[in-house]
Every structure is written in C-alpha cells, then in structure tokens.
C-alpha cells in the first residue's frame, strides 16, 4: 500500500468514525461491519463500479443483510418486489412460492402485503406485467419483469439451482 492509498483509507475511516459517534454504542459494531467495504475498496474500483452500475451499489457481492438494508421502501408492495429481486439475483427466472416470499420477509424483517399473490399478479410497469403464475402459489418474472428488476434493484440474473425441497 502506498502513501496515497493509506491517506485515502485514513480519511475514509475518519468519515466512518464521525458517523459511528452519532450512533448508540450497542449498534456501532454492526454499523462498522456494514461500512468497512467503504474503506477497503480501492478508489479506482469505486469509480469503475459507479460507472458500470449507473451510480448504484454493486449488489452482486452483497450479503443478504446488505442487500435488504440497501433499499428502504415505504410500501409493502414494493418490499414484495424487492424480495422477488433477491430471488432473481440468486436463482434467475426460476419460480418462487408465495410462502418463500413470506419466509424471506420474516427473516429480514420487512413488511409485505397480506395477499402477496395478488400483489405479484397486479404488479405492472409501463402497462406490462412483471410476474407470471408458474403453478399453484408460484410466480416467476416475465421478460419485462426481469428488465424491471435489473433496472430498479441493479441485480443480475442468478445462476444458482434450486433444490427439490424449495420446489
């Protein structure tokens, strides 16, 4: 590490320190964990990623906690789409169940509508449906839905395969 990078990282640490001072002591450790990537990321990498994602954070490397902490929606219906974006990021256009959406919402602590199924059926952008039924209680993103999830949440199509238990 050269002097320039050391100074750059030190200034970032000072910025984080100022933020952490304003927080209650019991959450400072967790807050630092969320912010430490800001220090360790090389300055040129930050500019490159910002250009590649149109100013959005690079979500491909984010953990589940970082992903859901990144977006704060006021509407429960938007939270349901956020969870769908998580599944798209992990499994691509493979179907996911309403029950999986509920479980994920409970796990990450966000509010979703009582009738998630109707929320997904009615989800549209520019008059195009975002999700299609894929069996009883299951949905998958349409082509327009994939585009909307990519644009809204800066996610890429996942390649993981679901286990038979999830189906």
N, C-alpha and C. Protein backbone atom coordinates (compact mmCIF):
# COMPACT_ATOMS: atom_id res chain seq x y z
N UNK A 1 0.85 -1.17 0.00
CA UNK A 1 0.00 0.00 0.00
C UNK A 1 0.90 1.23 0.00
N UNK A 2 0.64 2.15 -0.91
CA UNK A 2 1.44 3.36 -0.98
C UNK A 2 0.85 4.46 -0.08
N UNK A 3 1.57 5.57 0.05
CA UNK A 3 1.13 6.66 0.93
C UNK A 3 -0.20 7.26 0.49
N UNK A 4 -0.40 7.36 -0.81
CA UNK A 4 -1.63 7.95 -1.32
C UNK A 4 -2.84 7.10 -0.89
N UNK A 5 -2.73 5.79 -1.05
CA UNK A 5 -3.83 4.91 -0.67
C UNK A 5 -4.03 4.92 0.84
N UNK A 6 -2.94 4.95 1.60
CA UNK A 6 -3.04 5.00 3.06
C UNK A 6 -3.79 6.24 3.50
N UNK A 7 -3.45 7.38 2.93
CA UNK A 7 -4.14 8.63 3.27
C UNK A 7 -5.61 8.58 2.87
N UNK A 8 -5.88 7.99 1.71
CA UNK A 8 -7.27 7.88 1.24
C UNK A 8 -8.08 7.02 2.20
N UNK A 9 -7.52 5.88 2.62
CA UNK A 9 -8.23 4.99 3.54
C UNK A 9 -8.38 5.63 4.92
N UNK A 10 -7.36 6.33 5.36
CA UNK A 10 -7.44 7.01 6.66
C UNK A 10 -8.55 8.05 6.67
N UNK A 11 -8.69 8.79 5.57
CA UNK A 11 -9.76 9.80 5.51
C UNK A 11 -11.13 9.13 5.51
N UNK A 12 -11.23 8.00 4.86
CA UNK A 12 -12.50 7.27 4.87
C UNK A 12 -12.82 6.76 6.28
N UNK A 13 -11.80 6.25 6.98
CA UNK A 13 -12.00 5.78 8.36
C UNK A 13 -12.47 6.92 9.26
N UNK A 14 -11.89 8.10 9.06
CA UNK A 14 -12.31 9.26 9.85
C UNK A 14 -13.77 9.60 9.57
N UNK A 15 -14.19 9.51 8.30
CA UNK A 15 -15.59 9.78 7.96
C UNK A 15 -16.50 8.77 8.65
N UNK A 16 -16.12 7.51 8.61
CA UNK A 16 -16.92 6.47 9.25
C UNK A 16 -16.96 6.70 10.76
N UNK A 17 -15.82 7.09 11.34
CA UNK A 17 -15.76 7.37 12.77
C UNK A 17 -16.75 8.44 13.19
N UNK A 18 -16.86 9.48 12.38
CA UNK A 18 -17.81 10.56 12.68
C UNK A 18 -19.25 10.05 12.65
N UNK A 19 -19.55 9.19 11.69
CA UNK A 19 -20.89 8.61 11.60
C UNK A 19 -21.16 7.72 12.81
N UNK A 20 -20.20 6.89 13.15
CA UNK A 20 -20.38 5.95 14.26
C UNK A 20 -20.56 6.66 15.59
N UNK A 21 -19.93 7.81 15.77
CA UNK A 21 -20.07 8.57 17.01
C UNK A 21 -21.51 9.01 17.25
N UNK A 22 -22.26 9.19 16.19
CA UNK A 22 -23.65 9.66 16.33
C UNK A 22 -24.61 8.52 16.66
N UNK A 23 -24.13 7.27 16.57
CA UNK A 23 -24.99 6.11 16.79
C UNK A 23 -24.89 5.62 18.24
N UNK A 24 -25.94 4.94 18.72
CA UNK A 24 -25.89 4.34 20.06
C UNK A 24 -24.77 3.29 20.11
N UNK A 25 -24.07 3.18 21.25
CA UNK A 25 -22.94 2.26 21.37
C UNK A 25 -23.27 0.81 21.01
N UNK A 26 -24.47 0.36 21.28
CA UNK A 26 -24.82 -1.05 21.04
C UNK A 26 -24.91 -1.42 19.56
N UNK A 27 -25.02 -0.45 18.67
CA UNK A 27 -25.11 -0.78 17.24
C UNK A 27 -23.87 -0.39 16.45
N UNK A 28 -22.89 0.19 17.10
CA UNK A 28 -21.70 0.67 16.38
C UNK A 28 -20.93 -0.46 15.70
N UNK A 29 -20.81 -1.60 16.37
CA UNK A 29 -20.07 -2.72 15.78
C UNK A 29 -20.71 -3.20 14.49
N UNK A 30 -22.04 -3.37 14.52
CA UNK A 30 -22.75 -3.81 13.31
C UNK A 30 -22.69 -2.75 12.22
N UNK A 31 -22.77 -1.48 12.63
CA UNK A 31 -22.71 -0.40 11.64
C UNK A 31 -21.34 -0.38 10.96
N UNK A 32 -20.28 -0.60 11.73
CA UNK A 32 -18.96 -0.61 11.12
C UNK A 32 -18.83 -1.76 10.13
N UNK A 33 -19.41 -2.92 10.47
CA UNK A 33 -19.36 -4.06 9.54
C UNK A 33 -20.01 -3.70 8.21
N UNK A 34 -21.09 -2.94 8.25
CA UNK A 34 -21.76 -2.52 7.01
C UNK A 34 -20.93 -1.51 6.22
N UNK A 35 -20.13 -0.73 6.92
CA UNK A 35 -19.40 0.36 6.26
C UNK A 35 -17.95 0.04 5.93
N UNK A 36 -17.40 -1.06 6.41
CA UNK A 36 -15.97 -1.29 6.22
C UNK A 36 -15.58 -1.48 4.76
N UNK A 37 -16.48 -1.93 3.91
CA UNK A 37 -16.18 -2.03 2.48
C UNK A 37 -15.87 -0.67 1.87
N UNK A 38 -16.42 0.37 2.47
CA UNK A 38 -16.16 1.75 2.02
C UNK A 38 -14.69 2.10 2.20
N UNK A 39 -14.05 1.51 3.20
CA UNK A 39 -12.64 1.78 3.48
C UNK A 39 -11.73 0.90 2.65
N UNK A 40 -12.06 -0.37 2.52
CA UNK A 40 -11.17 -1.32 1.88
C UNK A 40 -11.23 -1.31 0.36
N UNK A 41 -12.25 -0.71 -0.19
CA UNK A 41 -12.38 -0.63 -1.64
C UNK A 41 -11.38 0.38 -2.19
N UNK A 42 -10.68 0.01 -3.22
CA UNK A 42 -9.69 0.90 -3.82
C UNK A 42 -10.40 2.06 -4.52
N UNK A 43 -9.86 3.28 -4.47
CA UNK A 43 -10.53 4.44 -5.07
C UNK A 43 -10.87 4.25 -6.54
N UNK A 44 -9.98 3.65 -7.31
CA UNK A 44 -10.26 3.47 -8.74
C UNK A 44 -11.37 2.45 -8.94
N UNK A 45 -11.47 1.44 -8.05
CA UNK A 45 -12.55 0.47 -8.14
C UNK A 45 -13.89 1.13 -7.89
N UNK A 46 -13.94 2.07 -6.95
CA UNK A 46 -15.18 2.77 -6.64
C UNK A 46 -15.69 3.51 -7.86
N UNK A 47 -14.80 4.24 -8.53
CA UNK A 47 -15.23 4.99 -9.71
C UNK A 47 -15.67 4.05 -10.83
N UNK A 48 -14.95 2.95 -11.02
CA UNK A 48 -15.30 2.00 -12.07
C UNK A 48 -16.66 1.38 -11.81
N UNK A 49 -16.90 0.94 -10.59
CA UNK A 49 -18.19 0.32 -10.25
C UNK A 49 -19.32 1.31 -10.40
N UNK A 50 -19.09 2.55 -9.98
CA UNK A 50 -20.14 3.56 -10.09
C UNK A 50 -20.51 3.78 -11.55
N UNK A 51 -19.52 3.76 -12.44
CA UNK A 51 -19.82 3.92 -13.86
C UNK A 51 -20.58 2.71 -14.41
N UNK A 52 -20.17 1.51 -13.98
CA UNK A 52 -20.79 0.30 -14.50
C UNK A 52 -22.23 0.14 -14.04
N UNK A 53 -22.56 0.64 -12.85
CA UNK A 53 -23.90 0.43 -12.31
C UNK A 53 -24.71 1.71 -12.28
N UNK A 54 -24.31 2.72 -13.05
CA UNK A 54 -25.02 3.99 -13.11
C UNK A 54 -25.23 4.61 -11.74
N UNK A 55 -24.21 4.50 -10.89
CA UNK A 55 -24.29 5.11 -9.57
C UNK A 55 -24.88 4.22 -8.51
N UNK A 56 -25.46 3.07 -8.87
CA UNK A 56 -25.99 2.15 -7.88
C UNK A 56 -24.86 1.31 -7.31
N UNK A 57 -25.06 0.83 -6.09
CA UNK A 57 -24.06 -0.04 -5.48
C UNK A 57 -23.99 -1.36 -6.23
N UNK A 58 -22.83 -1.99 -6.18
CA UNK A 58 -22.63 -3.29 -6.81
C UNK A 58 -23.27 -4.35 -5.91
N UNK A 59 -24.44 -4.85 -6.29
CA UNK A 59 -25.17 -5.78 -5.43
C UNK A 59 -24.76 -7.22 -5.61
N UNK A 60 -23.96 -7.52 -6.61
CA UNK A 60 -23.58 -8.91 -6.85
C UNK A 60 -22.80 -9.49 -5.68
N UNK A 61 -22.01 -8.68 -5.02
CA UNK A 61 -21.17 -9.17 -3.93
C UNK A 61 -21.80 -8.94 -2.56
N UNK A 62 -22.98 -8.37 -2.51
CA UNK A 62 -23.60 -8.06 -1.23
C UNK A 62 -24.18 -9.29 -0.56
N UNK A 63 -24.09 -9.30 0.77
CA UNK A 63 -24.75 -10.35 1.54
C UNK A 63 -26.24 -10.05 1.58
N UNK A 64 -27.00 -10.99 2.10
CA UNK A 64 -28.45 -10.79 2.22
C UNK A 64 -28.76 -9.56 3.06
N UNK A 65 -28.06 -9.38 4.17
CA UNK A 65 -28.31 -8.24 5.06
C UNK A 65 -28.02 -6.92 4.36
N UNK A 66 -26.92 -6.86 3.62
CA UNK A 66 -26.57 -5.64 2.91
C UNK A 66 -27.58 -5.35 1.81
N UNK A 67 -28.02 -6.39 1.12
CA UNK A 67 -28.98 -6.21 0.03
C UNK A 67 -30.27 -5.60 0.55
N UNK A 68 -30.81 -6.15 1.62
CA UNK A 68 -32.09 -5.65 2.13
C UNK A 68 -31.95 -4.34 2.89
N UNK A 69 -30.77 -4.05 3.42
CA UNK A 69 -30.55 -2.78 4.10
C UNK A 69 -30.36 -1.64 3.09
N UNK A 70 -29.95 -1.98 1.88
CA UNK A 70 -29.66 -1.00 0.83
C UNK A 70 -30.92 -0.26 0.39
N UNK A 71 -32.05 -0.95 0.33
CA UNK A 71 -33.29 -0.36 -0.17
C UNK A 71 -34.29 -0.25 0.97
N UNK A 72 -34.90 0.91 1.12
CA UNK A 72 -35.90 1.12 2.15
C UNK A 72 -37.18 1.60 1.48
N UNK A 73 -38.16 0.71 1.39
CA UNK A 73 -39.43 1.06 0.75
C UNK A 73 -40.48 1.42 1.79
N UNK A 74 -41.32 2.38 1.45
CA UNK A 74 -42.43 2.74 2.33
C UNK A 74 -43.64 1.86 2.08
N UNK A 75 -43.74 1.30 0.88
CA UNK A 75 -44.90 0.50 0.52
C UNK A 75 -44.60 -0.99 0.64
N UNK A 76 -45.46 -1.73 1.33
CA UNK A 76 -45.27 -3.18 1.43
C UNK A 76 -45.20 -3.88 0.06
N UNK A 77 -45.95 -3.38 -0.92
CA UNK A 77 -45.92 -3.99 -2.25
C UNK A 77 -44.53 -3.87 -2.88
N UNK A 78 -43.86 -2.76 -2.66
CA UNK A 78 -42.51 -2.59 -3.17
C UNK A 78 -41.54 -3.53 -2.46
N UNK A 79 -41.80 -3.82 -1.19
CA UNK A 79 -40.97 -4.79 -0.46
C UNK A 79 -41.12 -6.19 -1.06
N UNK A 80 -42.33 -6.53 -1.51
CA UNK A 80 -42.54 -7.82 -2.15
C UNK A 80 -41.72 -7.91 -3.44
N UNK A 81 -41.66 -6.83 -4.19
CA UNK A 81 -40.84 -6.81 -5.41
C UNK A 81 -39.35 -6.88 -5.07
N UNK A 82 -38.97 -6.27 -3.96
CA UNK A 82 -37.58 -6.35 -3.51
C UNK A 82 -37.19 -7.80 -3.22
N UNK A 83 -38.08 -8.53 -2.57
CA UNK A 83 -37.81 -9.95 -2.29
C UNK A 83 -37.74 -10.73 -3.59
N UNK A 84 -38.62 -10.42 -4.54
CA UNK A 84 -38.57 -11.08 -5.85
C UNK A 84 -37.23 -10.79 -6.53
N UNK A 85 -36.71 -9.57 -6.35
CA UNK A 85 -35.40 -9.22 -6.91
C UNK A 85 -34.30 -10.06 -6.27
N UNK A 86 -34.43 -10.33 -4.98
CA UNK A 86 -33.45 -11.20 -4.30
C UNK A 86 -33.47 -12.60 -4.91
N UNK A 87 -34.68 -13.15 -5.10
CA UNK A 87 -34.78 -14.48 -5.70
C UNK A 87 -34.24 -14.48 -7.13
N UNK A 88 -34.50 -13.42 -7.88
CA UNK A 88 -33.99 -13.30 -9.25
C UNK A 88 -32.47 -13.25 -9.23
N UNK A 89 -31.93 -12.50 -8.29
CA UNK A 89 -30.47 -12.38 -8.16
C UNK A 89 -29.84 -13.74 -7.84
N UNK A 90 -30.52 -14.55 -7.06
CA UNK A 90 -29.99 -15.84 -6.65
C UNK A 90 -30.25 -16.93 -7.70
N UNK A 91 -31.50 -17.03 -8.19
CA UNK A 91 -31.93 -18.18 -9.00
C UNK A 91 -32.37 -17.84 -10.42
N UNK A 92 -32.21 -16.61 -10.84
CA UNK A 92 -32.64 -16.25 -12.18
C UNK A 92 -34.16 -16.23 -12.27
N UNK A 93 -34.68 -16.69 -13.39
CA UNK A 93 -36.12 -16.63 -13.63
C UNK A 93 -36.86 -17.88 -13.13
N UNK A 94 -36.24 -18.66 -12.25
CA UNK A 94 -36.91 -19.84 -11.72
C UNK A 94 -38.06 -19.42 -10.81
N UNK A 95 -39.14 -20.20 -10.80
CA UNK A 95 -40.30 -19.84 -9.98
C UNK A 95 -39.98 -19.84 -8.48
N UNK A 96 -40.67 -18.96 -7.77
CA UNK A 96 -40.59 -18.89 -6.31
C UNK A 96 -42.02 -18.90 -5.77
N UNK A 97 -42.18 -19.39 -4.56
CA UNK A 97 -43.52 -19.50 -4.00
C UNK A 97 -43.85 -18.30 -3.12
N UNK A 98 -45.14 -18.09 -2.92
CA UNK A 98 -45.62 -17.03 -2.05
C UNK A 98 -45.12 -17.29 -0.63
N UNK A 99 -45.10 -18.55 -0.24
CA UNK A 99 -44.62 -18.91 1.10
C UNK A 99 -43.14 -18.55 1.27
N UNK A 100 -42.33 -18.74 0.22
CA UNK A 100 -40.92 -18.35 0.28
C UNK A 100 -40.79 -16.84 0.46
N UNK A 101 -41.65 -16.08 -0.20
CA UNK A 101 -41.63 -14.62 -0.07
C UNK A 101 -41.94 -14.25 1.38
N UNK A 102 -42.95 -14.88 1.97
CA UNK A 102 -43.31 -14.60 3.37
C UNK A 102 -42.16 -14.96 4.31
N UNK A 103 -41.55 -16.11 4.09
CA UNK A 103 -40.44 -16.55 4.95
C UNK A 103 -39.27 -15.57 4.85
N UNK A 104 -38.95 -15.13 3.65
CA UNK A 104 -37.85 -14.19 3.46
C UNK A 104 -38.16 -12.86 4.14
N UNK A 105 -39.39 -12.39 4.01
CA UNK A 105 -39.79 -11.13 4.66
C UNK A 105 -39.63 -11.23 6.17
N UNK A 106 -40.06 -12.36 6.74
CA UNK A 106 -39.90 -12.56 8.18
C UNK A 106 -38.43 -12.62 8.56
N UNK A 107 -37.63 -13.29 7.74
CA UNK A 107 -36.21 -13.47 8.05
C UNK A 107 -35.44 -12.15 8.04
N UNK A 108 -35.79 -11.26 7.13
CA UNK A 108 -35.05 -10.00 7.02
C UNK A 108 -35.77 -8.83 7.70
N UNK A 109 -36.98 -9.08 8.19
CA UNK A 109 -37.69 -8.08 8.96
C UNK A 109 -38.30 -6.94 8.18
N UNK A 110 -38.88 -7.26 7.01
CA UNK A 110 -39.57 -6.22 6.26
C UNK A 110 -41.05 -6.58 6.13
N UNK A 111 -41.87 -5.56 5.94
CA UNK A 111 -43.31 -5.73 5.85
C UNK A 111 -43.73 -5.95 4.41
N UNK A 112 -44.59 -6.94 4.20
CA UNK A 112 -45.13 -7.22 2.86
C UNK A 112 -46.65 -7.29 2.98
N UNK A 113 -47.36 -7.19 1.87
CA UNK A 113 -48.82 -7.27 1.92
C UNK A 113 -49.30 -8.65 2.37
N UNK A 114 -50.49 -8.68 2.93
CA UNK A 114 -51.09 -9.95 3.35
C UNK A 114 -51.31 -10.85 2.15
N UNK A 115 -51.79 -10.29 1.06
CA UNK A 115 -52.04 -11.05 -0.16
C UNK A 115 -50.91 -10.81 -1.16
N UNK A 116 -49.77 -11.43 -0.89
CA UNK A 116 -48.61 -11.28 -1.76
C UNK A 116 -48.94 -11.78 -3.16
N UNK A 117 -49.73 -12.83 -3.23
CA UNK A 117 -50.08 -13.38 -4.55
C UNK A 117 -50.77 -12.34 -5.42
N UNK A 118 -51.71 -11.59 -4.84
CA UNK A 118 -52.41 -10.57 -5.62
C UNK A 118 -51.49 -9.39 -5.96
N UNK A 119 -50.57 -9.10 -5.06
CA UNK A 119 -49.60 -8.03 -5.32
C UNK A 119 -48.76 -8.38 -6.55
N UNK A 120 -48.30 -9.63 -6.62
CA UNK A 120 -47.47 -10.04 -7.75
C UNK A 120 -48.29 -10.15 -9.04
N UNK A 121 -49.53 -10.61 -8.94
CA UNK A 121 -50.40 -10.69 -10.13
C UNK A 121 -50.62 -9.31 -10.73
N UNK A 122 -50.81 -8.32 -9.86
CA UNK A 122 -51.14 -6.97 -10.32
C UNK A 122 -49.93 -6.08 -10.59
N UNK A 123 -48.74 -6.56 -10.29
CA UNK A 123 -47.53 -5.73 -10.48
C UNK A 123 -47.30 -5.46 -11.96
N UNK A 124 -47.26 -4.17 -12.29
CA UNK A 124 -47.04 -3.75 -13.67
C UNK A 124 -46.10 -2.56 -13.70
N UNK A 125 -45.43 -2.42 -14.82
CA UNK A 125 -44.62 -1.25 -15.09
C UNK A 125 -44.81 -0.89 -16.55
N UNK A 126 -45.21 0.33 -16.80
CA UNK A 126 -45.49 0.80 -18.16
C UNK A 126 -46.50 -0.12 -18.85
N UNK A 127 -47.50 -0.58 -18.09
CA UNK A 127 -48.56 -1.41 -18.64
C UNK A 127 -48.19 -2.87 -18.88
N UNK A 128 -47.00 -3.28 -18.54
CA UNK A 128 -46.54 -4.65 -18.77
C UNK A 128 -46.49 -5.40 -17.44
N UNK A 129 -47.00 -6.63 -17.45
CA UNK A 129 -46.97 -7.45 -16.25
C UNK A 129 -45.53 -7.82 -15.89
N UNK A 130 -45.23 -7.79 -14.58
CA UNK A 130 -43.88 -8.09 -14.14
C UNK A 130 -43.70 -9.55 -13.74
N UNK A 131 -44.80 -10.22 -13.34
CA UNK A 131 -44.72 -11.61 -12.88
C UNK A 131 -45.83 -12.44 -13.51
N UNK A 132 -45.52 -13.70 -13.75
CA UNK A 132 -46.49 -14.63 -14.30
C UNK A 132 -46.64 -15.79 -13.32
N UNK A 133 -47.83 -16.37 -13.28
CA UNK A 133 -48.05 -17.54 -12.44
C UNK A 133 -47.24 -18.71 -13.02
N UNK A 134 -46.70 -19.51 -12.10
CA UNK A 134 -45.89 -20.66 -12.53
C UNK A 134 -46.31 -21.88 -11.71
N UNK A 135 -47.61 -22.09 -11.62
CA UNK A 135 -48.14 -23.17 -10.80
C UNK A 135 -48.88 -22.61 -9.61
N UNK A 136 -49.44 -23.48 -8.81
CA UNK A 136 -50.22 -23.05 -7.66
C UNK A 136 -49.33 -22.36 -6.63
N UNK A 137 -49.61 -21.09 -6.39
CA UNK A 137 -48.87 -20.34 -5.39
C UNK A 137 -47.45 -19.98 -5.79
N UNK A 138 -47.11 -20.13 -7.06
CA UNK A 138 -45.75 -19.83 -7.52
C UNK A 138 -45.79 -18.76 -8.60
N UNK A 139 -44.70 -17.99 -8.65
CA UNK A 139 -44.57 -16.93 -9.64
C UNK A 139 -43.14 -16.91 -10.17
N UNK A 140 -43.01 -16.34 -11.35
CA UNK A 140 -41.68 -16.09 -11.91
C UNK A 140 -41.74 -14.78 -12.67
N UNK A 141 -40.61 -14.10 -12.78
CA UNK A 141 -40.62 -12.82 -13.51
C UNK A 141 -40.82 -13.04 -15.01
N UNK A 142 -41.59 -12.15 -15.60
CA UNK A 142 -41.72 -12.15 -17.06
C UNK A 142 -40.46 -11.50 -17.64
N UNK A 143 -40.36 -11.45 -18.94
CA UNK A 143 -39.22 -10.79 -19.58
C UNK A 143 -39.20 -9.31 -19.17
N UNK A 144 -40.37 -8.69 -19.14
CA UNK A 144 -40.45 -7.29 -18.71
C UNK A 144 -40.13 -7.17 -17.23
N UNK A 145 -40.53 -8.17 -16.45
CA UNK A 145 -40.21 -8.18 -15.03
C UNK A 145 -38.72 -8.29 -14.78
N UNK A 146 -38.06 -9.14 -15.55
CA UNK A 146 -36.60 -9.26 -15.42
C UNK A 146 -35.93 -7.92 -15.68
N UNK A 147 -36.35 -7.25 -16.74
CA UNK A 147 -35.78 -5.95 -17.07
C UNK A 147 -36.03 -4.95 -15.95
N UNK A 148 -37.25 -4.95 -15.40
CA UNK A 148 -37.60 -4.01 -14.33
C UNK A 148 -36.79 -4.30 -13.07
N UNK A 149 -36.61 -5.56 -12.72
CA UNK A 149 -35.83 -5.90 -11.53
C UNK A 149 -34.37 -5.48 -11.71
N UNK A 150 -33.84 -5.71 -12.91
CA UNK A 150 -32.46 -5.30 -13.18
C UNK A 150 -32.30 -3.79 -13.06
N UNK A 151 -33.25 -3.05 -13.64
CA UNK A 151 -33.15 -1.60 -13.64
C UNK A 151 -33.39 -1.00 -12.25
N UNK A 152 -34.38 -1.50 -11.55
CA UNK A 152 -34.75 -0.93 -10.26
C UNK A 152 -33.76 -1.28 -9.16
N UNK A 153 -33.33 -2.55 -9.12
CA UNK A 153 -32.51 -3.01 -8.00
C UNK A 153 -31.06 -3.33 -8.39
N UNK A 154 -30.69 -3.07 -9.62
CA UNK A 154 -29.32 -3.30 -10.11
C UNK A 154 -28.85 -4.73 -9.85
N UNK A 155 -29.73 -5.69 -10.11
CA UNK A 155 -29.36 -7.09 -9.92
C UNK A 155 -29.06 -7.73 -11.27
N UNK A 156 -28.29 -8.80 -11.20
CA UNK A 156 -28.01 -9.60 -12.40
C UNK A 156 -28.72 -10.93 -12.23
N UNK A 157 -29.01 -11.57 -13.34
CA UNK A 157 -29.71 -12.85 -13.32
C UNK A 157 -28.84 -13.90 -12.63
N UNK A 158 -29.40 -14.53 -11.60
CA UNK A 158 -28.68 -15.54 -10.85
C UNK A 158 -28.56 -16.85 -11.59
N UNK A 159 -27.61 -17.67 -11.16
CA UNK A 159 -27.37 -18.95 -11.82
C UNK A 159 -27.48 -20.14 -10.87
N UNK A 160 -27.80 -19.88 -9.61
CA UNK A 160 -27.92 -20.99 -8.67
C UNK A 160 -29.13 -21.84 -9.03
N UNK A 161 -29.04 -23.11 -8.73
CA UNK A 161 -30.16 -24.02 -8.97
C UNK A 161 -30.87 -24.28 -7.65
N UNK A 162 -32.19 -24.34 -7.72
CA UNK A 162 -33.00 -24.62 -6.53
C UNK A 162 -32.93 -26.11 -6.21
N UNK A 163 -33.02 -26.39 -4.94
CA UNK A 163 -33.10 -27.78 -4.51
C UNK A 163 -34.53 -28.27 -4.71
N UNK A 164 -34.74 -29.54 -4.73
CA UNK A 164 -36.09 -30.09 -4.92
C UNK A 164 -37.01 -29.71 -3.77
N UNK A 165 -36.45 -29.50 -2.56
CA UNK A 165 -37.26 -29.11 -1.41
C UNK A 165 -37.92 -27.76 -1.61
N UNK A 166 -37.22 -26.83 -2.27
CA UNK A 166 -37.74 -25.49 -2.49
C UNK A 166 -38.87 -25.48 -3.51
N UNK A 167 -38.94 -26.49 -4.33
CA UNK A 167 -39.98 -26.55 -5.35
C UNK A 167 -41.18 -27.19 -4.76
